[in-house]
Amino acid sequence: MKPGPLAGMRLGDLGADVIKIETKNGDPARGFMKMFGAMSGLKGNNYYFEHNNRNKRSQYLI
């Protein structure tokens, strides 16, 4: 896990209002399941992204 997403996840777990700021293209971690799925034949949810970004609101930069 990465320190930044982990810290935000823990703060959100404790009740903080966490806002995840992303660029127009979004967080690169959103595509991890596509990359790993293509290599291993897996399909489904992106659990890495969903786990590290739980309890966060997302806001895109304009």
Protein backbone atom coordinates (compact mmCIF):
# COMPACT_ATOMS: atom_id res chain seq x y z
CA MET A 1 0.00 0.00 0.00
CA LYS A 2 1.00 3.58 -0.57
CA PRO A 3 1.40 5.92 2.45
CA GLY A 4 -0.85 8.69 1.07
CA PRO A 5 -3.91 6.57 0.23
CA LEU A 6 -3.44 4.58 3.43
CA ALA A 7 -3.37 7.70 5.62
CA GLY A 8 -6.52 9.06 3.96
CA MET A 9 -8.23 5.68 4.32
CA ARG A 10 -7.45 5.52 8.05
CA LEU A 11 -8.64 9.09 8.63
CA GLY A 12 -11.86 8.27 6.77
CA ASP A 13 -12.28 5.13 8.89
CA LEU A 14 -12.05 7.35 11.98
CA GLY A 15 -14.80 9.66 10.71
CA ALA A 16 -12.90 12.42 8.90
CA ASP A 17 -14.40 13.94 5.76
CA VAL A 18 -11.72 12.98 3.21
CA ILE A 19 -11.78 14.39 -0.32
CA LYS A 20 -9.66 12.65 -2.95
CA ILE A 21 -8.45 15.14 -5.57
CA GLU A 22 -7.81 13.64 -9.00
CA THR A 23 -6.76 14.98 -12.38
CA LYS A 24 -9.11 14.88 -15.36
CA ASN A 25 -7.69 11.47 -16.29
CA GLY A 26 -8.32 10.08 -12.81
CA ASP A 27 -6.07 8.15 -10.48
CA PRO A 28 -3.81 5.69 -12.35
CA ALA A 29 -4.73 3.06 -9.74
CA ARG A 30 -8.23 2.95 -11.24
CA GLY A 31 -6.76 0.96 -14.14
CA PHE A 32 -4.78 -1.59 -12.11
CA MET A 33 -7.38 -4.35 -12.46
CA LYS A 34 -7.38 -3.94 -16.25
CA MET A 35 -3.58 -4.27 -16.29
CA PHE A 36 -3.42 -7.25 -13.91
CA GLY A 37 -6.51 -8.83 -15.40
CA ALA A 38 -4.99 -8.74 -18.87
CA MET A 39 -1.88 -10.50 -17.59
CA SER A 40 -3.65 -13.14 -15.52
CA GLY A 41 -7.11 -13.45 -17.08
CA LEU A 42 -8.90 -11.99 -14.03
CA LYS A 43 -12.03 -9.89 -14.31
CA GLY A 44 -14.04 -8.02 -11.74
CA ASN A 45 -13.77 -5.14 -9.32
CA ASN A 46 -10.59 -3.21 -8.70
CA TYR A 47 -10.17 -4.19 -5.05
CA TYR A 48 -6.85 -2.36 -4.66
CA PHE A 49 -8.41 0.96 -5.62
CA GLU A 50 -11.66 0.36 -3.74
CA HIS A 51 -9.86 -0.67 -0.54
CA ASN A 52 -7.38 2.24 -0.50
CA ASN A 53 -10.03 4.82 -1.31
CA ARG A 54 -12.91 3.75 0.89
CA ASN A 55 -14.61 6.49 2.93
CA LYS A 56 -13.38 9.16 0.50
CA ARG A 57 -15.24 11.53 -1.74
CA SER A 58 -13.72 12.09 -5.17
CA GLN A 59 -13.26 15.51 -6.75
CA TYR A 60 -11.80 16.03 -10.21
CA LEU A 61 -9.67 19.02 -11.11
CA ILE A 62 -10.98 21.10 -13.98
